Amino acid sequence: MFNIFKKKKEEPLYDVTNLSVKDLDVGFVFDYDMKSWIVKEVLEYDWGDNNFTREYKVDSGDEVGFLEVEDDDELFIVLSNSISLRKIEEDVAEKIRKKGKSHKKIQFAEETYFLEEESAGYFKSAAKKGDDWEEFITWQYLNEEETRVVSLTQWDEQNIEASAGIVVKPYQISNITPSGN
């Protein structure tokens, strides 16, 4: 019997027959590099001028990483992991702390990376409601072939973090499955 008081089940914000990396959310599973990855957390970045990007904390069981998805006319996807600042040959932390700038190029893992972009923005976990955003500045470096990335992020005067990753083509991420929730 039809019940007008019964709550209608919310429709998903994505097409389950045509999921893409832009549809990822907590609990989603996808395949990349012969591993299945589960999205553990969604992180949001506000770059100003109504420009937002998402990053996903992902876990394959033997590795935890961050999948950055930027949709600026075409998809730019990076899978990265945190690294020690000491692994970068230049003393980037000292220059950032003293001058508020980073180097134009850096050496990491015996490879040269060139400054691609310097950006300031705001960050928060998508799980947090409200306007609890943290301010930061980031420097993104690409290798000569533009297949590898090193990022430096300054959260405050003393707190600087580094990550390194690989540029992922959208077709390399497959079998996207939504959460069972």
N, C-alpha and C. Protein backbone atom coordinates (compact mmCIF):
# COMPACT_ATOMS: atom_id res chain seq x y z
N MET A 1 0.83 -1.18 0.00
CA MET A 1 0.00 0.00 0.00
C MET A 1 0.88 1.25 0.00
N PHE A 2 0.46 2.24 -0.66
CA PHE A 2 1.19 3.50 -0.79
C PHE A 2 1.11 4.27 0.52
N ASN A 3 2.27 4.69 1.06
CA ASN A 3 2.32 5.44 2.31
C ASN A 3 2.93 6.81 2.04
N ILE A 4 2.15 7.87 2.15
CA ILE A 4 2.64 9.21 1.86
C ILE A 4 3.58 9.74 2.93
N PHE A 5 3.60 9.09 4.11
CA PHE A 5 4.47 9.54 5.18
C PHE A 5 5.83 8.85 5.18
N LYS A 6 5.96 7.86 4.34
CA LYS A 6 7.23 7.12 4.26
C LYS A 6 8.28 8.02 3.60
N LYS A 7 9.48 8.06 4.21
CA LYS A 7 10.56 8.87 3.64
C LYS A 7 11.04 8.25 2.34
N LYS A 8 11.21 9.11 1.37
CA LYS A 8 11.74 8.65 0.09
C LYS A 8 13.25 8.45 0.24
N LYS A 9 13.75 7.36 -0.28
CA LYS A 9 15.18 7.09 -0.23
C LYS A 9 15.91 8.12 -1.09
N GLU A 10 16.98 8.71 -0.51
CA GLU A 10 17.75 9.72 -1.24
C GLU A 10 18.44 9.10 -2.43
N GLU A 11 18.34 9.78 -3.55
CA GLU A 11 19.02 9.33 -4.76
C GLU A 11 20.48 9.73 -4.69
N PRO A 12 21.39 8.89 -5.16
CA PRO A 12 22.81 9.27 -5.15
C PRO A 12 23.07 10.44 -6.09
N LEU A 13 24.14 11.17 -5.80
CA LEU A 13 24.51 12.34 -6.60
C LEU A 13 25.35 11.95 -7.80
N TYR A 14 25.38 10.68 -8.14
CA TYR A 14 26.19 10.17 -9.25
C TYR A 14 25.40 9.13 -10.01
N ASP A 15 25.81 8.87 -11.23
CA ASP A 15 25.19 7.86 -12.08
C ASP A 15 25.91 6.53 -11.83
N VAL A 16 25.24 5.59 -11.17
CA VAL A 16 25.88 4.32 -10.80
C VAL A 16 26.30 3.50 -12.01
N THR A 17 25.77 3.81 -13.17
CA THR A 17 26.15 3.06 -14.37
C THR A 17 27.36 3.67 -15.07
N ASN A 18 27.78 4.87 -14.62
CA ASN A 18 28.88 5.54 -15.28
C ASN A 18 29.73 6.32 -14.25
N LEU A 19 30.27 5.62 -13.27
CA LEU A 19 31.05 6.27 -12.22
C LEU A 19 32.43 6.67 -12.72
N SER A 20 32.89 7.83 -12.27
CA SER A 20 34.23 8.29 -12.60
C SER A 20 34.95 8.66 -11.31
N VAL A 21 36.21 8.98 -11.43
CA VAL A 21 37.02 9.36 -10.27
C VAL A 21 36.45 10.62 -9.61
N LYS A 22 35.72 11.45 -10.33
CA LYS A 22 35.10 12.65 -9.76
C LYS A 22 33.94 12.31 -8.82
N ASP A 23 33.44 11.08 -8.87
CA ASP A 23 32.31 10.67 -8.04
C ASP A 23 32.73 10.04 -6.72
N LEU A 24 34.01 9.83 -6.49
CA LEU A 24 34.47 9.12 -5.30
C LEU A 24 33.95 9.76 -4.01
N ASP A 25 33.74 8.91 -3.02
CA ASP A 25 33.29 9.34 -1.70
C ASP A 25 33.73 8.29 -0.69
N VAL A 26 33.55 8.58 0.57
CA VAL A 26 33.95 7.64 1.63
C VAL A 26 33.30 6.28 1.40
N GLY A 27 34.10 5.24 1.48
CA GLY A 27 33.61 3.88 1.32
C GLY A 27 33.69 3.35 -0.10
N PHE A 28 33.88 4.22 -1.08
CA PHE A 28 34.01 3.76 -2.46
C PHE A 28 35.28 2.93 -2.61
N VAL A 29 35.24 1.99 -3.53
CA VAL A 29 36.39 1.14 -3.84
C VAL A 29 36.72 1.33 -5.32
N PHE A 30 38.02 1.33 -5.63
CA PHE A 30 38.44 1.41 -7.03
C PHE A 30 39.72 0.61 -7.20
N ASP A 31 40.03 0.27 -8.45
CA ASP A 31 41.26 -0.45 -8.76
C ASP A 31 42.25 0.49 -9.41
N TYR A 32 43.51 0.37 -8.97
CA TYR A 32 44.61 1.10 -9.58
C TYR A 32 45.89 0.30 -9.36
N ASP A 33 46.68 0.13 -10.38
CA ASP A 33 47.98 -0.51 -10.30
C ASP A 33 47.88 -1.89 -9.65
N MET A 34 46.93 -2.67 -10.12
CA MET A 34 46.72 -4.06 -9.68
C MET A 34 46.40 -4.19 -8.19
N LYS A 35 45.81 -3.14 -7.60
CA LYS A 35 45.38 -3.16 -6.21
C LYS A 35 43.98 -2.56 -6.13
N SER A 36 43.23 -3.00 -5.15
CA SER A 36 41.95 -2.37 -4.84
C SER A 36 42.18 -1.38 -3.70
N TRP A 37 41.63 -0.20 -3.85
CA TRP A 37 41.79 0.87 -2.88
C TRP A 37 40.41 1.26 -2.35
N ILE A 38 40.33 1.59 -1.07
CA ILE A 38 39.09 2.06 -0.47
C ILE A 38 39.29 3.50 -0.01
N VAL A 39 38.29 4.34 -0.26
CA VAL A 39 38.34 5.73 0.16
C VAL A 39 37.98 5.79 1.64
N LYS A 40 38.91 6.29 2.45
CA LYS A 40 38.73 6.37 3.90
C LYS A 40 38.24 7.74 4.35
N GLU A 41 38.65 8.79 3.62
CA GLU A 41 38.29 10.15 4.03
C GLU A 41 38.31 11.05 2.81
N VAL A 42 37.44 12.06 2.82
CA VAL A 42 37.40 13.06 1.75
C VAL A 42 37.87 14.38 2.33
N LEU A 43 38.83 15.01 1.65
CA LEU A 43 39.40 16.29 2.07
C LEU A 43 39.07 17.32 1.00
N GLU A 44 38.72 18.53 1.43
CA GLU A 44 38.33 19.57 0.49
C GLU A 44 39.31 20.73 0.55
N TYR A 45 39.56 21.34 -0.62
CA TYR A 45 40.45 22.49 -0.73
C TYR A 45 39.70 23.62 -1.42
N ASP A 46 39.78 24.80 -0.86
CA ASP A 46 39.18 26.01 -1.43
C ASP A 46 40.32 26.92 -1.87
N TRP A 47 40.44 27.14 -3.17
CA TRP A 47 41.52 27.93 -3.74
C TRP A 47 41.08 29.36 -4.05
N GLY A 48 39.87 29.72 -3.68
CA GLY A 48 39.34 31.06 -3.97
C GLY A 48 38.70 31.08 -5.35
N ASP A 49 38.00 32.15 -5.64
CA ASP A 49 37.31 32.33 -6.94
C ASP A 49 36.43 31.13 -7.30
N ASN A 50 35.78 30.57 -6.29
CA ASN A 50 34.88 29.42 -6.48
C ASN A 50 35.59 28.23 -7.12
N ASN A 51 36.87 28.04 -6.79
CA ASN A 51 37.66 26.93 -7.29
C ASN A 51 37.93 25.95 -6.14
N PHE A 52 37.35 24.76 -6.23
CA PHE A 52 37.48 23.75 -5.19
C PHE A 52 38.07 22.47 -5.78
N THR A 53 38.88 21.77 -4.99
CA THR A 53 39.35 20.45 -5.39
C THR A 53 39.14 19.49 -4.23
N ARG A 54 39.21 18.21 -4.54
CA ARG A 54 39.05 17.17 -3.52
C ARG A 54 40.27 16.28 -3.52
N GLU A 55 40.54 15.76 -2.35
CA GLU A 55 41.61 14.78 -2.18
C GLU A 55 41.03 13.67 -1.33
N TYR A 56 41.43 12.46 -1.62
CA TYR A 56 40.88 11.29 -0.94
C TYR A 56 41.99 10.54 -0.23
N LYS A 57 41.81 10.28 1.05
CA LYS A 57 42.74 9.40 1.76
C LYS A 57 42.31 7.99 1.40
N VAL A 58 43.23 7.24 0.80
CA VAL A 58 42.89 5.91 0.27
C VAL A 58 43.81 4.86 0.89
N ASP A 59 43.30 3.63 0.98
CA ASP A 59 44.03 2.53 1.62
C ASP A 59 43.88 1.29 0.75
N SER A 60 45.01 0.66 0.44
CA SER A 60 44.98 -0.58 -0.35
C SER A 60 45.22 -1.81 0.51
N GLY A 61 45.33 -1.62 1.82
CA GLY A 61 45.63 -2.73 2.72
C GLY A 61 47.09 -2.76 3.10
N ASP A 62 47.98 -2.52 2.14
CA ASP A 62 49.41 -2.50 2.44
C ASP A 62 50.02 -1.11 2.20
N GLU A 63 49.18 -0.15 1.80
CA GLU A 63 49.67 1.19 1.52
C GLU A 63 48.54 2.20 1.75
N VAL A 64 48.88 3.33 2.34
CA VAL A 64 47.94 4.43 2.50
C VAL A 64 48.48 5.60 1.71
N GLY A 65 47.61 6.24 0.95
CA GLY A 65 48.04 7.36 0.13
C GLY A 65 46.95 8.40 0.03
N PHE A 66 47.22 9.40 -0.79
CA PHE A 66 46.26 10.48 -1.02
C PHE A 66 46.07 10.63 -2.52
N LEU A 67 44.82 10.59 -2.95
CA LEU A 67 44.48 10.72 -4.36
C LEU A 67 43.89 12.11 -4.57
N GLU A 68 44.66 12.97 -5.23
CA GLU A 68 44.22 14.34 -5.51
C GLU A 68 43.56 14.36 -6.87
N VAL A 69 42.36 14.95 -6.93
CA VAL A 69 41.63 15.03 -8.19
C VAL A 69 41.30 16.49 -8.46
N GLU A 70 41.89 17.02 -9.54
CA GLU A 70 41.66 18.41 -9.94
C GLU A 70 41.01 18.38 -11.32
N ASP A 71 39.86 19.05 -11.43
CA ASP A 71 39.14 19.09 -12.69
C ASP A 71 39.13 20.52 -13.20
N ASP A 72 40.17 20.88 -13.96
CA ASP A 72 40.32 22.22 -14.51
C ASP A 72 40.38 22.08 -16.03
N ASP A 73 39.24 21.92 -16.65
CA ASP A 73 39.07 21.64 -18.08
C ASP A 73 39.45 20.20 -18.43
N GLU A 74 40.49 19.67 -17.79
CA GLU A 74 40.80 18.25 -17.92
C GLU A 74 41.23 17.74 -16.55
N LEU A 75 41.10 16.44 -16.35
CA LEU A 75 41.42 15.87 -15.05
C LEU A 75 42.93 15.78 -14.83
N PHE A 76 43.37 16.20 -13.66
CA PHE A 76 44.75 16.05 -13.23
C PHE A 76 44.68 15.28 -11.92
N ILE A 77 45.21 14.06 -11.93
CA ILE A 77 45.10 13.15 -10.78
C ILE A 77 46.50 12.77 -10.31
N VAL A 78 46.72 12.82 -9.00
CA VAL A 78 48.00 12.45 -8.42
C VAL A 78 47.75 11.53 -7.24
N LEU A 79 48.48 10.41 -7.20
CA LEU A 79 48.48 9.53 -6.03
C LEU A 79 49.80 9.74 -5.33
N SER A 80 49.75 10.20 -4.06
CA SER A 80 50.98 10.55 -3.36
C SER A 80 51.01 9.98 -1.95
N ASN A 81 52.22 10.05 -1.37
CA ASN A 81 52.47 9.63 0.00
C ASN A 81 53.31 10.71 0.67
N SER A 82 53.21 10.82 1.97
CA SER A 82 54.06 11.74 2.72
C SER A 82 55.51 11.29 2.64
N ILE A 83 56.42 12.27 2.58
CA ILE A 83 57.85 11.98 2.61
C ILE A 83 58.51 12.92 3.62
N SER A 84 59.70 12.59 4.02
CA SER A 84 60.47 13.44 4.92
C SER A 84 61.06 14.59 4.14
N LEU A 85 61.02 15.80 4.71
CA LEU A 85 61.65 16.96 4.09
C LEU A 85 63.13 16.73 3.87
N ARG A 86 63.75 15.92 4.71
CA ARG A 86 65.19 15.64 4.59
C ARG A 86 65.53 14.90 3.30
N LYS A 87 64.55 14.27 2.66
CA LYS A 87 64.80 13.55 1.42
C LYS A 87 64.94 14.48 0.21
N ILE A 88 64.57 15.74 0.40
CA ILE A 88 64.74 16.75 -0.65
C ILE A 88 66.11 17.37 -0.42
N GLU A 89 66.93 17.40 -1.46
CA GLU A 89 68.32 17.81 -1.31
C GLU A 89 68.47 19.25 -0.85
N GLU A 90 67.69 20.17 -1.36
CA GLU A 90 67.77 21.57 -0.95
C GLU A 90 67.12 21.72 0.43
N ASP A 91 67.55 22.72 1.19
CA ASP A 91 66.94 22.99 2.49
C ASP A 91 65.70 23.86 2.28
N VAL A 92 64.65 23.23 1.78
CA VAL A 92 63.44 23.96 1.42
C VAL A 92 62.75 24.55 2.64
N ALA A 93 62.74 23.82 3.74
CA ALA A 93 62.05 24.31 4.93
C ALA A 93 62.67 25.62 5.42
N GLU A 94 63.99 25.68 5.43
CA GLU A 94 64.68 26.89 5.89
C GLU A 94 64.35 28.08 5.00
N LYS A 95 64.35 27.90 3.68
CA LYS A 95 64.05 29.00 2.76
C LYS A 95 62.59 29.45 2.93
N ILE A 96 61.68 28.51 3.07
CA ILE A 96 60.26 28.86 3.25
C ILE A 96 60.08 29.64 4.55
N ARG A 97 60.69 29.16 5.62
CA ARG A 97 60.54 29.85 6.91
C ARG A 97 61.14 31.24 6.89
N LYS A 98 62.28 31.43 6.22
CA LYS A 98 62.96 32.73 6.21
C LYS A 98 62.35 33.71 5.21
N LYS A 99 62.00 33.22 4.01
CA LYS A 99 61.58 34.13 2.93
C LYS A 99 60.14 33.96 2.48
N GLY A 100 59.45 32.92 2.96
CA GLY A 100 58.08 32.68 2.52
C GLY A 100 57.99 32.20 1.09
N LYS A 101 59.14 31.75 0.55
CA LYS A 101 59.21 31.24 -0.83
C LYS A 101 59.95 29.92 -0.82
N SER A 102 59.78 29.18 -1.89
CA SER A 102 60.53 27.94 -2.06
C SER A 102 61.44 28.07 -3.28
N HIS A 103 62.21 27.04 -3.54
CA HIS A 103 63.13 27.02 -4.67
C HIS A 103 62.38 26.88 -6.00
N LYS A 104 62.99 27.31 -7.09
CA LYS A 104 62.41 27.15 -8.44
C LYS A 104 62.53 25.71 -8.92
N LYS A 105 63.57 25.00 -8.43
CA LYS A 105 63.71 23.58 -8.74
C LYS A 105 64.33 22.89 -7.54
N ILE A 106 64.01 21.60 -7.41
CA ILE A 106 64.51 20.81 -6.28
C ILE A 106 64.96 19.44 -6.79
N GLN A 107 65.74 18.77 -5.97
CA GLN A 107 66.18 17.41 -6.26
C GLN A 107 65.54 16.46 -5.24
N PHE A 108 64.93 15.40 -5.75
CA PHE A 108 64.35 14.37 -4.90
C PHE A 108 64.55 13.03 -5.59
N ALA A 109 65.04 12.05 -4.86
CA ALA A 109 65.26 10.70 -5.39
C ALA A 109 66.04 10.73 -6.70
N GLU A 110 67.11 11.53 -6.69
CA GLU A 110 68.03 11.63 -7.83
C GLU A 110 67.37 12.15 -9.11
N GLU A 111 66.32 12.95 -8.95
CA GLU A 111 65.61 13.51 -10.09
C GLU A 111 65.33 14.99 -9.82
N THR A 112 65.36 15.79 -10.88
CA THR A 112 65.08 17.22 -10.76
C THR A 112 63.60 17.48 -10.97
N TYR A 113 63.04 18.32 -10.10
CA TYR A 113 61.64 18.73 -10.19
C TYR A 113 61.60 20.25 -10.32
N PHE A 114 60.68 20.73 -11.15
CA PHE A 114 60.57 22.15 -11.45
C PHE A 114 59.27 22.70 -10.87
N LEU A 115 59.36 23.90 -10.28
CA LEU A 115 58.19 24.52 -9.69
C LEU A 115 57.13 24.75 -10.77
N GLU A 116 55.98 24.15 -10.57
CA GLU A 116 54.86 24.27 -11.51
C GLU A 116 53.86 25.31 -11.02
N GLU A 117 53.63 25.32 -9.70
CA GLU A 117 52.57 26.17 -9.18
C GLU A 117 52.79 26.46 -7.71
N GLU A 118 52.52 27.70 -7.32
CA GLU A 118 52.49 28.11 -5.92
C GLU A 118 51.08 28.61 -5.67
N SER A 119 50.42 28.08 -4.64
CA SER A 119 49.03 28.44 -4.39
C SER A 119 48.76 28.54 -2.90
N ALA A 120 47.90 29.47 -2.54
CA ALA A 120 47.41 29.59 -1.18
C ALA A 120 45.95 29.18 -1.17
N GLY A 121 45.51 28.58 -0.08
CA GLY A 121 44.13 28.15 -0.02
C GLY A 121 43.72 27.77 1.39
N TYR A 122 42.58 27.10 1.46
CA TYR A 122 42.01 26.65 2.73
C TYR A 122 41.67 25.16 2.60
N PHE A 123 41.76 24.46 3.72
CA PHE A 123 41.60 23.01 3.74
C PHE A 123 40.69 22.61 4.90
N LYS A 124 39.88 21.55 4.66
CA LYS A 124 39.13 20.92 5.76
C LYS A 124 38.73 19.52 5.35
N SER A 125 38.45 18.71 6.35
CA SER A 125 37.89 17.39 6.11
C SER A 125 36.42 17.58 5.73
N ALA A 126 35.96 16.87 4.72
CA ALA A 126 34.56 17.00 4.29
C ALA A 126 33.61 16.51 5.38
N ALA A 127 34.10 15.68 6.30
CA ALA A 127 33.25 15.17 7.38
C ALA A 127 32.90 16.27 8.38
N LYS A 128 33.73 17.31 8.45
CA LYS A 128 33.49 18.41 9.39
C LYS A 128 32.46 19.36 8.80
N LYS A 129 31.43 19.61 9.54
CA LYS A 129 30.40 20.56 9.10
C LYS A 129 30.82 21.96 9.51
N GLY A 130 30.34 22.95 8.81
CA GLY A 130 30.65 24.33 9.16
C GLY A 130 31.86 24.86 8.43
N ASP A 131 32.37 25.96 8.96
CA ASP A 131 33.46 26.68 8.30
C ASP A 131 34.78 26.56 9.06
N ASP A 132 35.15 25.35 9.42
CA ASP A 132 36.39 25.11 10.17
C ASP A 132 37.53 24.81 9.20
N TRP A 133 37.92 25.82 8.40
CA TRP A 133 38.95 25.68 7.38
C TRP A 133 40.31 26.07 7.94
N GLU A 134 41.38 25.38 7.49
CA GLU A 134 42.76 25.73 7.85
C GLU A 134 43.42 26.38 6.64
N GLU A 135 44.18 27.44 6.89
CA GLU A 135 44.88 28.15 5.82
C GLU A 135 46.23 27.49 5.55
N PHE A 136 46.68 27.50 4.30
CA PHE A 136 47.97 26.91 3.94
C PHE A 136 48.49 27.52 2.64
N ILE A 137 49.77 27.26 2.37
CA ILE A 137 50.40 27.59 1.08
C ILE A 137 51.06 26.32 0.58
N THR A 138 50.94 26.06 -0.72
CA THR A 138 51.56 24.86 -1.27
C THR A 138 52.37 25.19 -2.52
N TRP A 139 53.46 24.44 -2.69
CA TRP A 139 54.30 24.54 -3.88
C TRP A 139 54.30 23.17 -4.53
N GLN A 140 53.94 23.12 -5.81
CA GLN A 140 53.88 21.84 -6.52
C GLN A 140 54.95 21.82 -7.60
N TYR A 141 55.74 20.75 -7.59
CA TYR A 141 56.84 20.56 -8.53
C TYR A 141 56.56 19.34 -9.40
N LEU A 142 56.93 19.42 -10.67
CA LEU A 142 56.82 18.29 -11.59
C LEU A 142 58.20 17.95 -12.14
N ASN A 143 58.41 16.66 -12.43
CA ASN A 143 59.67 16.29 -13.08
C ASN A 143 59.60 16.70 -14.56
N GLU A 144 60.68 16.52 -15.28
CA GLU A 144 60.78 16.93 -16.68
C GLU A 144 59.67 16.32 -17.54
N GLU A 145 59.35 15.05 -17.31
CA GLU A 145 58.33 14.35 -18.11
C GLU A 145 56.91 14.63 -17.63
N GLU A 146 56.78 15.35 -16.50
CA GLU A 146 55.49 15.65 -15.88
C GLU A 146 54.73 14.38 -15.51
N THR A 147 55.46 13.37 -15.03
CA THR A 147 54.85 12.11 -14.60
C THR A 147 54.94 11.92 -13.10
N ARG A 148 55.78 12.70 -12.44
CA ARG A 148 55.97 12.61 -10.99
C ARG A 148 55.83 14.00 -10.37
N VAL A 149 55.37 14.03 -9.12
CA VAL A 149 55.07 15.27 -8.42
C VAL A 149 55.71 15.26 -7.04
N VAL A 150 56.23 16.40 -6.63
CA VAL A 150 56.62 16.64 -5.24
C VAL A 150 55.88 17.89 -4.81
N SER A 151 55.23 17.83 -3.65
CA SER A 151 54.51 18.99 -3.12
C SER A 151 55.04 19.35 -1.75
N LEU A 152 55.14 20.63 -1.50
CA LEU A 152 55.51 21.16 -0.19
C LEU A 152 54.32 21.97 0.30
N THR A 153 53.92 21.78 1.55
CA THR A 153 52.77 22.49 2.10
C THR A 153 53.16 23.12 3.43
N GLN A 154 52.95 24.42 3.53
CA GLN A 154 53.22 25.14 4.78
C GLN A 154 51.89 25.44 5.45
N TRP A 155 51.71 24.91 6.68
CA TRP A 155 50.47 25.08 7.44
C TRP A 155 50.54 26.28 8.37
N ASP A 156 51.71 26.54 8.91
CA ASP A 156 51.94 27.71 9.74
C ASP A 156 53.43 28.03 9.63
N GLU A 157 53.91 28.94 10.46
CA GLU A 157 55.29 29.37 10.32
C GLU A 157 56.30 28.22 10.41
N GLN A 158 56.05 27.25 11.27
CA GLN A 158 57.01 26.16 11.49
C GLN A 158 56.63 24.83 10.85
N ASN A 159 55.35 24.59 10.60
CA ASN A 159 54.87 23.29 10.14
C ASN A 159 54.84 23.20 8.62
N ILE A 160 55.83 22.47 8.07
CA ILE A 160 55.93 22.28 6.62
C ILE A 160 55.98 20.79 6.35
N GLU A 161 55.17 20.33 5.42
CA GLU A 161 55.10 18.91 5.08
C GLU A 161 55.45 18.72 3.61
N ALA A 162 55.89 17.50 3.28
CA ALA A 162 56.22 17.17 1.89
C ALA A 162 55.55 15.87 1.50
N SER A 163 55.24 15.77 0.22
CA SER A 163 54.70 14.52 -0.32
C SER A 163 55.26 14.32 -1.73
N ALA A 164 55.28 13.07 -2.14
CA ALA A 164 55.74 12.73 -3.49
C ALA A 164 54.75 11.75 -4.08
N GLY A 165 54.53 11.88 -5.38
CA GLY A 165 53.56 11.00 -6.00
C GLY A 165 53.75 10.87 -7.49
N ILE A 166 52.80 10.20 -8.07
CA ILE A 166 52.81 9.90 -9.49
C ILE A 166 51.54 10.45 -10.12
N VAL A 167 51.68 10.99 -11.34
CA VAL A 167 50.52 11.46 -12.08
C VAL A 167 49.79 10.24 -12.64
N VAL A 168 48.48 10.19 -12.39
CA VAL A 168 47.65 9.05 -12.80
C VAL A 168 46.71 9.51 -13.91
N LYS A 169 46.62 8.73 -14.95
CA LYS A 169 45.67 9.01 -16.03
C LYS A 169 44.30 8.48 -15.61
N PRO A 170 43.22 9.19 -15.95
CA PRO A 170 41.88 8.75 -15.52
C PRO A 170 41.55 7.30 -15.89
N TYR A 171 42.00 6.84 -17.05
CA TYR A 171 41.69 5.47 -17.46
C TYR A 171 42.40 4.42 -16.60
N GLN A 172 43.43 4.82 -15.84
CA GLN A 172 44.15 3.87 -15.00
C GLN A 172 43.37 3.52 -13.74
N ILE A 173 42.35 4.31 -13.42
CA ILE A 173 41.48 4.02 -12.27
C ILE A 173 40.23 3.37 -12.82
N SER A 174 39.95 2.16 -12.34
CA SER A 174 38.82 1.41 -12.91
C SER A 174 38.01 0.72 -11.80
N ASN A 175 36.94 0.09 -12.22
CA ASN A 175 36.07 -0.69 -11.33
C ASN A 175 35.65 0.10 -10.10
N ILE A 176 35.23 1.33 -10.30
CA ILE A 176 34.77 2.17 -9.19
C ILE A 176 33.42 1.65 -8.71
N THR A 177 33.36 1.37 -7.41
CA THR A 177 32.15 0.82 -6.81
C THR A 177 31.76 1.69 -5.62
N PRO A 178 30.47 2.09 -5.54
CA PRO A 178 30.06 2.92 -4.41
C PRO A 178 30.01 2.13 -3.11
N SER A 179 29.96 2.88 -2.03
CA SER A 179 29.85 2.29 -0.69
C SER A 179 28.56 1.49 -0.59
N GLY A 180 28.58 0.49 0.24
CA GLY A 180 27.39 -0.33 0.45
C GLY A 180 26.40 0.31 1.38
N ASN A 181 26.68 1.53 1.89
CA ASN A 181 25.79 2.20 2.85
C ASN A 181 24.46 2.53 2.22
